[in-house]
Protein backbone atom coordinates (compact mmCIF):
# COMPACT_ATOMS: atom_id res chain seq x y z
CA MET A 1 0.00 0.00 0.00
CA ALA A 2 1.29 3.47 -0.90
CA THR A 3 1.97 5.86 1.95
CA VAL A 4 2.63 9.58 2.33
CA THR A 5 4.57 11.01 5.25
CA SER A 6 4.89 14.77 5.71
CA TYR A 7 8.21 15.91 7.15
CA GLY A 8 7.34 19.59 6.86
CA ALA A 9 4.40 21.93 6.26
CA ALA A 10 2.27 19.79 8.56
CA GLU A 11 0.23 22.06 10.85
CA VAL A 12 2.65 24.85 9.91
CA VAL A 13 3.06 26.92 6.75
CA THR A 14 6.72 26.38 5.94
CA GLY A 15 9.14 23.48 5.42
CA SER A 16 7.20 21.62 2.71
CA CYS A 17 8.50 18.05 2.41
CA HIS A 18 6.32 15.04 1.63
CA LEU A 19 7.50 11.49 1.01
CA LEU A 20 5.41 9.27 -1.26
CA ALA A 21 6.43 5.62 -0.96
CA ILE A 22 4.79 3.30 -3.48
CA GLU A 23 4.76 -0.36 -2.50
CA HIS A 24 7.34 -2.29 -4.54
CA GLY A 25 8.12 1.02 -6.24
CA PRO A 26 10.18 4.18 -5.83
CA ARG A 27 10.40 6.63 -2.96
CA ILE A 28 9.40 10.04 -4.25
CA LEU A 29 10.01 13.27 -2.33
CA ILE A 30 7.78 16.21 -3.17
CA ASP A 31 9.62 19.42 -2.25
CA CYS A 32 12.24 19.86 0.43
CA GLY A 33 11.69 23.32 1.83
CA MET A 34 13.11 25.40 4.63
CA PHE A 35 11.25 26.09 7.87
CA GLN A 36 10.86 29.80 8.59
CA GLY A 37 9.77 31.94 11.49
CA ALA A 38 9.01 30.19 14.77
CA GLU A 39 9.82 26.78 13.24
CA GLU A 40 13.27 27.60 11.85
CA ASP A 41 15.14 25.46 14.41
CA SER A 42 13.56 22.43 12.73
CA ASN A 43 15.92 22.97 9.79
CA TYR A 44 18.74 21.58 11.91
CA LYS A 45 16.96 18.36 12.79
CA ALA A 46 17.84 15.18 10.96
CA PHE A 47 15.58 14.19 8.09
CA GLY A 48 13.14 11.58 9.30
CA PHE A 49 14.02 9.24 6.43
CA ASP A 50 17.08 7.70 4.78
CA VAL A 51 18.16 10.36 2.31
CA SER A 52 20.05 7.89 0.13
CA ASP A 53 16.85 5.86 -0.40
CA ILE A 54 15.06 8.70 -2.19
CA ASN A 55 14.85 7.95 -5.91
CA TYR A 56 13.19 11.12 -7.18
CA LEU A 57 12.65 14.68 -6.01
CA LEU A 58 9.71 16.50 -7.61
CA ILE A 59 9.73 20.26 -7.04
CA THR A 60 6.48 22.23 -7.20
CA HIS A 61 8.07 25.69 -7.26
CA ALA A 62 11.09 27.72 -6.20
CA HIS A 63 10.02 29.46 -2.99
CA LEU A 64 12.46 28.91 -0.14
CA ASP A 65 9.91 27.04 1.96
CA HIS A 66 9.67 24.48 -0.86
CA VAL A 67 13.32 24.22 -2.02
CA GLY A 68 15.39 25.61 0.88
CA ARG A 69 16.66 22.30 2.28
CA ILE A 70 17.52 20.60 -1.01
CA PRO A 71 21.26 21.34 -0.69
CA LYS A 72 21.12 19.82 2.80
CA LEU A 73 19.47 16.77 1.24
CA VAL A 74 22.30 16.54 -1.29
CA LYS A 75 24.95 17.16 1.36
CA GLU A 76 23.59 14.22 3.35
CA GLY A 77 23.58 11.77 0.45
CA PHE A 78 20.71 12.32 -1.98
CA ARG A 79 21.79 11.29 -5.49
CA GLY A 80 18.42 10.81 -7.17
CA VAL A 81 16.84 12.52 -10.14
CA ILE A 82 15.23 15.97 -9.81
CA TYR A 83 12.18 17.11 -11.77
CA ALA A 84 11.20 20.78 -12.01
CA THR A 85 10.13 23.21 -14.69
CA GLU A 86 13.07 25.00 -16.27
CA ALA A 87 11.93 28.35 -14.84
CA THR A 88 11.78 26.76 -11.39
CA GLN A 89 15.35 25.57 -11.69
CA ASP A 90 16.56 29.05 -12.73
CA LEU A 91 14.79 30.69 -9.80
CA ALA A 92 15.85 27.98 -7.34
CA GLU A 93 19.50 28.51 -8.18
CA ILE A 94 19.21 32.22 -7.36
CA ILE A 95 17.30 31.58 -4.15
CA LEU A 96 19.55 28.80 -2.85
CA LEU A 97 22.80 30.66 -3.53
CA ASP A 98 21.36 33.66 -1.70
CA SER A 99 20.27 31.40 1.16
CA ALA A 100 23.78 29.94 1.49
CA LYS A 101 25.27 33.45 1.49
CA ILE A 102 22.91 34.68 4.20
CA MET A 103 23.52 31.64 6.40
CA LYS A 104 27.28 32.13 6.10
CA GLU A 105 27.00 35.81 7.04
CA ASP A 106 24.70 35.03 9.98
CA PHE A 107 27.06 32.33 11.21
CA GLU A 108 30.09 34.62 11.09
CA THR A 109 28.22 37.38 12.94
CA ASN A 110 26.88 35.02 15.61
CA PHE A 111 30.26 33.33 16.00
CA ARG A 112 32.00 36.64 16.69
CA LYS A 113 29.39 37.51 19.31
CA ALA A 114 29.67 34.09 20.94
CA GLN A 115 33.45 34.27 20.88
CA ARG A 116 33.34 37.30 23.12
CA ARG A 117 31.36 35.24 25.64
CA GLY A 118 33.44 32.12 25.23
CA LYS A 119 30.48 30.18 23.82
CA GLU A 120 31.58 29.50 20.26
CA LYS A 121 30.46 25.87 20.45
CA GLU A 122 26.84 26.96 20.88
CA VAL A 123 26.72 28.58 17.44
CA LYS A 124 25.12 26.35 14.83
CA ALA A 125 26.98 25.91 11.59
CA PRO A 126 25.15 26.80 8.36
CA LEU A 127 22.91 24.09 6.95
CA TYR A 128 24.97 24.15 3.75
CA ASN A 129 27.31 26.33 1.75
CA GLU A 130 27.63 27.49 -1.85
CA GLU A 131 29.53 24.33 -2.80
CA ASP A 132 26.55 22.25 -1.65
CA VAL A 133 24.26 24.40 -3.79
CA GLU A 134 26.53 23.93 -6.79
CA ALA A 135 26.54 20.17 -6.17
CA THR A 136 22.73 20.24 -6.21
CA PHE A 137 22.66 21.62 -9.74
CA LYS A 138 25.20 19.06 -10.94
CA LEU A 139 22.73 16.26 -10.29
CA SER A 140 20.45 14.92 -13.00
CA TRP A 141 17.67 17.45 -13.64
CA HIS A 142 14.68 16.95 -15.94
CA TYR A 143 12.33 19.71 -17.11
CA PRO A 144 8.70 18.67 -17.53
CA GLN A 145 6.44 20.81 -19.69
CA TYR A 146 3.00 21.77 -18.46
CA ASP A 147 0.28 19.21 -19.30
CA GLU A 148 2.70 16.71 -20.89
CA THR A 149 2.49 13.41 -19.00
CA PHE A 150 5.73 11.50 -18.65
CA GLU A 151 6.63 8.14 -17.15
CA LEU A 152 8.77 8.42 -14.05
CA GLN A 153 9.35 4.71 -14.31
CA GLU A 154 7.23 1.84 -15.52
CA GLY A 155 3.72 2.15 -14.14
CA ILE A 156 4.17 5.63 -12.62
CA LYS A 157 3.01 8.63 -14.62
CA VAL A 158 3.51 12.27 -13.66
CA THR A 159 1.96 15.46 -14.99
CA TYR A 160 2.95 19.02 -14.06
CA ARG A 161 0.20 21.62 -14.37
CA ASP A 162 0.28 25.40 -14.04
CA ALA A 163 -0.43 26.41 -10.43
CA GLY A 164 -0.65 30.15 -11.21
CA HIS A 165 1.39 30.92 -8.08
CA ILE A 166 4.83 32.10 -9.22
CA LEU A 167 6.85 31.66 -12.41
CA GLY A 168 7.22 27.94 -13.12
CA ALA A 169 4.99 26.85 -10.24
CA SER A 170 3.12 23.58 -10.63
CA PHE A 171 0.74 21.23 -8.97
CA ILE A 172 1.77 17.67 -9.59
CA GLU A 173 -0.39 14.69 -10.52
CA ILE A 174 1.10 11.26 -9.88
CA GLY A 175 -0.64 8.19 -11.25
CA TYR A 176 0.28 4.66 -10.19
CA THR A 177 -1.20 1.16 -10.18
CA GLU A 178 -1.70 -0.81 -6.99
CA ASN A 179 -3.35 -4.23 -6.85
CA THR A 180 -4.48 -3.71 -10.48
CA LEU A 181 -6.26 -0.48 -9.47
CA GLU A 182 -5.16 2.84 -10.92
CA ARG A 183 -4.77 5.62 -8.38
CA THR A 184 -3.97 9.32 -8.72
CA ILE A 185 -2.55 11.55 -6.01
CA VAL A 186 -2.18 15.29 -6.45
CA PHE A 187 0.19 17.56 -4.52
CA SER A 188 -0.97 21.16 -4.89
CA GLY A 189 2.25 22.88 -3.92
CA ASP A 190 1.04 26.46 -3.56
CA ILE A 191 -1.84 27.43 -5.82
CA GLY A 192 -2.56 30.96 -6.92
CA ASN A 193 -5.49 33.26 -7.47
CA ASP A 194 -7.09 34.11 -10.79
CA ASN A 195 -6.44 37.84 -10.41
CA ASN A 196 -2.67 38.17 -10.54
CA MET A 197 -1.25 40.89 -12.80
CA VAL A 198 1.86 38.83 -13.57
CA MET A 199 0.87 35.18 -13.57
CA THR A 200 -1.58 33.24 -15.70
CA ASN A 201 -4.62 31.69 -14.01
CA LEU A 202 -4.54 28.51 -11.94
CA GLU A 203 -5.24 25.47 -14.09
CA LYS A 204 -8.12 23.17 -13.22
CA CYS A 205 -7.49 19.80 -11.64
CA THR A 206 -10.10 17.45 -13.07
CA HIS A 207 -9.15 14.10 -11.53
CA ALA A 208 -7.58 12.86 -8.30
CA ASN A 209 -8.29 10.18 -5.73
CA TYR A 210 -6.15 11.78 -3.04
CA LEU A 211 -5.38 15.48 -2.73
CA TYR A 212 -2.66 17.06 -0.60
CA VAL A 213 -3.61 20.72 -0.66
CA GLU A 214 -2.19 23.88 0.85
CA SER A 215 -4.33 25.77 3.36
CA THR A 216 -2.40 28.99 4.04
CA TYR A 217 -5.49 31.17 3.78
CA GLY A 218 -8.08 28.45 4.37
CA ASP A 219 -9.86 30.50 7.03
CA ARG A 220 -10.56 33.64 5.02
CA ASN A 221 -11.15 35.30 1.69
CA HIS A 222 -8.83 37.91 0.31
CA ARG A 223 -9.88 41.42 -0.21
CA ASP A 224 -10.83 42.14 -3.81
CA ILE A 225 -7.66 42.72 -5.83
CA GLU A 226 -9.00 45.90 -7.41
CA ALA A 227 -9.73 47.34 -3.96
CA SER A 228 -6.25 46.29 -2.84
CA ILE A 229 -4.63 48.04 -5.78
CA VAL A 230 -6.67 51.17 -5.07
CA GLU A 231 -5.49 51.14 -1.44
CA PHE A 232 -1.90 50.51 -2.50
CA LYS A 233 -2.00 53.44 -4.90
CA ARG A 234 -3.62 55.68 -2.27
CA VAL A 235 -0.85 54.99 0.27
CA ILE A 236 1.82 55.61 -2.38
CA ILE A 237 0.28 58.85 -3.64
CA ASP A 238 -0.57 60.24 -0.19
CA THR A 239 2.92 59.49 1.14
CA MET A 240 4.58 61.07 -1.90
CA HIS A 241 2.41 64.19 -1.57
CA ASN A 242 3.42 64.35 2.11
CA TRP A 243 7.07 64.18 1.04
CA GLY A 244 7.53 60.88 2.82
CA ASN A 245 9.00 57.55 1.78
CA VAL A 246 7.37 54.15 1.29
CA LEU A 247 9.04 50.95 2.46
CA ILE A 248 7.81 47.71 0.90
CA PRO A 249 9.21 44.48 2.35
CA SER A 250 8.73 42.15 -0.56
CA PHE A 251 9.50 38.60 -1.57
CA ALA A 252 12.05 38.51 -4.38
CA VAL A 253 9.97 36.14 -6.47
CA GLU A 254 6.51 37.08 -7.79
CA ARG A 255 5.48 39.75 -5.27
CA THR A 256 8.26 42.12 -6.31
CA GLN A 257 7.38 41.65 -9.97
CA GLU A 258 3.70 42.31 -9.29
CA ILE A 259 4.51 45.51 -7.38
CA LEU A 260 6.75 46.68 -10.23
CA CYS A 261 3.92 46.08 -12.71
CA ILE A 262 1.52 48.18 -10.64
CA LEU A 263 4.03 51.01 -10.31
CA LYS A 264 4.77 50.87 -14.04
CA GLU A 265 1.06 51.03 -14.81
CA MET A 266 0.71 54.02 -12.45
CA HIS A 267 3.58 55.70 -14.28
CA ASP A 268 2.04 55.03 -17.69
CA ARG A 269 -1.29 56.46 -16.53
CA LYS A 270 0.43 59.49 -14.96
CA GLU A 271 -0.96 58.54 -11.53
CA LEU A 272 2.46 58.29 -9.91
CA PRO A 273 3.96 61.49 -8.49
CA HIS A 274 7.54 62.13 -9.48
CA CYS A 275 9.67 59.96 -7.24
CA LYS A 276 12.58 57.55 -7.11
CA ILE A 277 11.90 53.82 -6.95
CA PHE A 278 14.65 51.52 -5.73
CA LEU A 279 14.62 47.77 -6.14
CA ASP A 280 17.11 47.21 -3.35
CA SER A 281 17.53 43.47 -3.56
CA PRO A 282 20.17 41.70 -5.66
CA MET A 283 18.13 38.50 -5.50
CA ALA A 284 14.93 40.24 -6.61
CA THR A 285 16.86 41.91 -9.43
CA ARG A 286 18.11 38.53 -10.69
CA ALA A 287 14.67 36.99 -10.28
CA THR A 288 13.12 39.84 -12.26
CA GLN A 289 15.48 39.07 -15.13
CA VAL A 290 14.40 35.42 -15.04
CA TYR A 291 10.78 36.58 -15.28
CA ASN A 292 11.76 38.65 -18.32
CA ASN A 293 13.34 35.56 -19.86
CA TYR A 294 10.14 33.52 -19.52
CA SER A 295 7.63 36.17 -20.56
CA ASP A 296 5.66 33.58 -22.57
CA LEU A 297 4.60 31.99 -19.25
CA LEU A 298 3.25 35.26 -17.88
CA SER A 299 0.03 37.24 -18.22
CA GLN A 300 -1.01 38.94 -21.43
CA GLN A 301 -0.29 42.34 -19.87
CA CYS A 302 3.31 41.31 -19.18
CA GLN A 303 3.69 39.98 -22.71
CA ASP A 304 2.34 43.26 -24.07
CA TYR A 305 4.88 45.24 -21.99
CA LYS A 306 7.67 43.03 -23.35
CA LYS A 307 6.59 43.65 -26.96
CA ARG A 308 6.21 47.39 -26.42
CA ASP A 309 9.28 48.14 -24.29
CA GLY A 310 11.57 45.16 -24.76
CA THR A 311 11.27 44.62 -21.02
CA ILE A 312 8.37 43.85 -18.73
CA PHE A 313 9.28 45.78 -15.62
CA ASP A 314 11.67 48.69 -16.35
CA PHE A 315 10.50 52.28 -16.58
CA GLU A 316 11.79 55.81 -16.03
CA TYR A 317 11.71 56.11 -12.23
CA LEU A 318 13.04 52.63 -11.44
CA ALA A 319 16.65 52.05 -10.33
CA TYR A 320 18.37 48.82 -9.32
CA THR A 321 20.89 48.83 -6.46
CA PRO A 322 22.97 45.68 -6.91
CA ASP A 323 25.85 46.53 -4.55
CA VAL A 324 26.13 47.68 -0.95
CA GLU A 325 27.36 51.16 -1.88
CA SER A 326 24.33 51.94 -4.06
CA SER A 327 22.06 50.56 -1.35
CA ARG A 328 23.62 52.84 1.27
CA ALA A 329 23.25 55.79 -1.10
CA ILE A 330 19.46 55.47 -0.74
CA ASN A 331 19.91 56.97 2.73
CA ASP A 332 20.81 60.26 1.02
CA VAL A 333 17.32 60.48 -0.46
CA ASP A 334 15.27 62.37 2.12
CA SER A 335 11.84 62.10 0.55
CA ARG A 336 9.74 60.67 -2.24
CA ALA A 337 11.51 57.34 -2.36
CA ILE A 338 9.80 54.00 -2.79
CA ILE A 339 12.09 51.27 -1.49
CA ILE A 340 11.34 47.64 -2.34
CA ALA A 341 13.64 45.32 -0.43
CA GLY A 342 13.85 41.87 1.09
CA SER A 343 13.37 39.89 3.00
CA GLY A 344 9.63 39.60 2.57
CA MET A 345 9.05 38.63 6.21
CA CYS A 346 11.73 41.05 7.47
CA THR A 347 13.88 38.23 8.87
CA GLY A 348 16.99 39.79 7.35
CA GLY A 349 18.16 41.58 4.24
CA ARG A 350 18.36 45.24 3.35
CA ILE A 351 14.84 46.08 4.50
CA ILE A 352 16.12 45.89 8.08
CA HIS A 353 18.56 48.74 7.44
CA HIS A 354 15.80 50.83 5.88
CA PHE A 355 13.56 50.13 8.87
CA LYS A 356 16.29 51.36 11.20
CA ASN A 357 16.67 54.57 9.21
CA ARG A 358 13.01 55.34 8.49
CA LEU A 359 10.52 53.56 10.79
CA TRP A 360 10.65 56.39 13.32
CA ASN A 361 9.49 59.06 10.84
CA PRO A 362 5.69 59.65 10.85
CA LYS A 363 5.83 60.92 7.25
CA ASN A 364 6.87 57.47 6.05
CA ALA A 365 4.75 54.43 5.34
CA VAL A 366 5.33 50.68 5.37
CA ILE A 367 3.25 48.49 3.08
CA PHE A 368 3.17 44.76 3.80
CA VAL A 369 2.09 42.93 0.67
CA GLY A 370 2.76 39.34 1.72
CA TYR A 371 2.15 36.76 4.41
CA GLN A 372 4.11 37.25 7.65
CA SER A 373 4.84 34.01 9.53
CA VAL A 374 4.49 33.78 13.28
CA GLY A 375 7.79 34.67 14.97
CA THR A 376 9.08 37.02 12.26
CA LEU A 377 9.78 40.73 12.63
CA GLY A 378 7.20 41.42 9.94
CA ARG A 379 4.49 39.60 11.92
CA HIS A 380 5.52 41.50 15.07
CA ILE A 381 5.02 44.84 13.30
CA VAL A 382 1.78 43.77 11.60
CA ASP A 383 0.43 42.68 14.99
CA GLY A 384 0.83 46.22 16.30
CA ALA A 385 4.27 46.51 17.88
CA ARG A 386 5.14 50.01 19.04
CA TRP A 387 8.87 49.34 19.36
CA VAL A 388 11.25 47.00 17.56
CA LYS A 389 14.86 46.17 18.27
CA ILE A 390 17.08 46.47 15.21
CA PHE A 391 20.83 45.98 15.44
CA ASN A 392 20.57 46.19 19.23
CA GLU A 393 18.84 49.55 19.00
CA ASP A 394 15.25 50.20 20.08
CA ILE A 395 13.31 51.89 17.27
CA LEU A 396 9.96 53.58 17.92
CA ILE A 397 7.51 52.87 15.11
CA LYS A 398 5.92 56.13 13.97
CA ALA A 399 5.60 55.34 10.27
CA SER A 400 2.10 54.31 9.22
CA ILE A 401 1.72 50.54 8.78
CA HIS A 402 -0.47 49.11 6.04
CA THR A 403 -1.24 45.44 5.42
CA ILE A 404 -2.76 44.74 2.02
CA ASN A 405 -3.63 41.05 1.77
CA GLY A 406 -5.28 41.17 -1.64
CA PHE A 407 -1.90 40.69 -3.31
CA SER A 408 -1.48 37.20 -1.95
CA ALA A 409 -0.21 34.64 -4.45
CA HIS A 410 -2.08 31.98 -2.44
CA ALA A 411 -5.63 30.94 -3.14
CA ASP A 412 -8.08 32.05 -0.47
CA GLN A 413 -10.89 29.93 0.99
CA ASN A 414 -13.32 30.52 -1.87
CA ALA A 415 -10.68 29.79 -4.49
CA LEU A 416 -9.61 26.61 -2.69
CA ILE A 417 -13.20 25.39 -2.46
CA LYS A 418 -13.83 26.18 -6.13
CA TRP A 419 -10.65 24.38 -7.23
CA ILE A 420 -11.33 21.30 -5.12
CA SER A 421 -14.97 21.15 -6.26
CA GLN A 422 -13.86 20.59 -9.86
CA ILE A 423 -11.94 17.42 -9.02
CA ASN A 424 -13.68 14.18 -9.98
CA ASP A 425 -13.25 10.81 -8.18
CA LEU A 426 -11.87 12.46 -5.04
CA TYR A 427 -11.82 10.14 -2.01
CA ASN A 428 -9.82 12.11 0.56
CA VAL A 429 -8.51 15.61 1.06
CA TYR A 430 -5.38 16.12 3.19
CA LEU A 431 -4.60 19.60 4.48
CA ILE A 432 -0.98 20.72 4.60
CA HIS A 433 0.92 24.02 4.46
CA GLY A 434 -1.17 25.97 6.95
CA GLU A 435 -1.52 26.87 10.61
CA ARG A 436 -3.77 24.42 12.43
CA ASP A 437 -6.44 26.91 13.50
CA LYS A 438 -6.93 27.89 9.87
CA GLN A 439 -6.96 24.27 8.78
CA VAL A 440 -9.72 23.44 11.25
CA ILE A 441 -11.91 26.09 9.62
CA LEU A 442 -11.11 24.94 6.09
CA ARG A 443 -11.73 21.30 6.99
CA SER A 444 -15.19 22.19 8.26
CA VAL A 445 -16.01 24.10 5.06
CA ILE A 446 -14.79 21.31 2.76
CA GLU A 447 -16.75 18.69 4.67
CA ASN A 448 -19.94 20.77 4.85
CA VAL A 449 -19.89 22.32 1.39
CA LEU A 450 -18.24 19.59 -0.69
CA ASP A 451 -19.01 16.56 1.48
CA LYS A 452 -15.42 15.31 1.15
CA LYS A 453 -13.53 13.49 3.88
CA THR A 454 -10.83 15.88 5.04
CA HIS A 455 -7.90 15.26 7.33
CA ILE A 456 -5.37 17.65 8.88
CA VAL A 457 -1.97 16.04 8.43
CA GLU A 458 0.20 15.87 11.53
CA PRO A 459 4.02 16.07 11.47
CA GLU A 460 5.54 12.77 10.32
CA GLU A 461 2.14 11.09 10.32
CA VAL A 462 2.08 8.09 7.97
CA ILE A 463 -1.00 8.26 5.75
CA TYR A 464 -2.01 4.97 4.12
CA LEU A 465 -3.66 5.51 0.75
CA GLY A 466 -6.31 2.78 0.75
């Protein structure tokens, strides 16, 4: 009997890692992501399975919480075959190299601090380094095309379909035969909304017997995207007219590109006051170039920009700050600056420096445009903190704080219910990638509205697919 065991994203949002073991068949790992926020210590725990026994790794998409532990997997002995869309591989390489760099810098900083206290041995070494990342991309990679079914090995068929979440993102259908019966299991990865300015719409899933589905926003519905864009524009325009600055902590992949599209549209329509816009994230800059390279996978609006301008995202007011010196030079701009910087959850990166320099100014504004995990600085601010400690300095928050959830790249409750309702032959729904209180609400809705058996997956729980 086939089994699925979830070694991450079970009753939490991050750390996606699910092991499908088919009786008398291969062991297939779906994603191997990093834990973030309150769960980040789990990254240092041993994998709950024999890494060398994994035959295949199927990647849904390139977000850190879905790919962030792959170099650790390789470091500890994984030598199997990796499947991902080509765009996913390109983005994953950027993200993983950046992750290795950040871990190295954090280790060196923490080691120096511990050295002064004589407690060097308490500092955890990085999960992996750049050499481990390079080794990951030297393994055998295969690039499935959307909607083209391929045979993983005899009797096991796999299809990648467009998840509408970020560039290259997929939900994965796996078909296998057990006791002469054909079964299909679907892993959603993260699925998107049908209102994204950058991405195409989420593809339908028409058949599955077992569904492992994300539940990040299973307890709520997003604000209408048009209303969210109106609010975003209002904060930008009001802050510029008040001669303030706008800080936007943004994820390097997808959210940054969507924000750039909105700002470019504002510029084209002459809605944007004269200002300076800084994309202050080397990783986001590289990711934006990858998006340019795969414009055929993006929305019609993005394709139209590419035909008109030769680029999707660039326009007059936008400047990239690839090095530290150009990032520091932003401090010389007193007013009318829009600063887009990582990390998206404010756990590190250049946004922290901008917070230190600008959070205390009531003329400024902070716009959160993405999910903030429990335990992160971003969540602390969103939850109403008056003070934050940055680089050992207490900073009073006087800037206005705005949370605009309509930009989420995750499907909300209505979208999840609609997507699941279109699936034929569905026996069981398994909820992953969400906080438990939200999963309890979603489970109730699925059972009451769709009359489908729904189970909240627990960490390392072995699910038998009957």
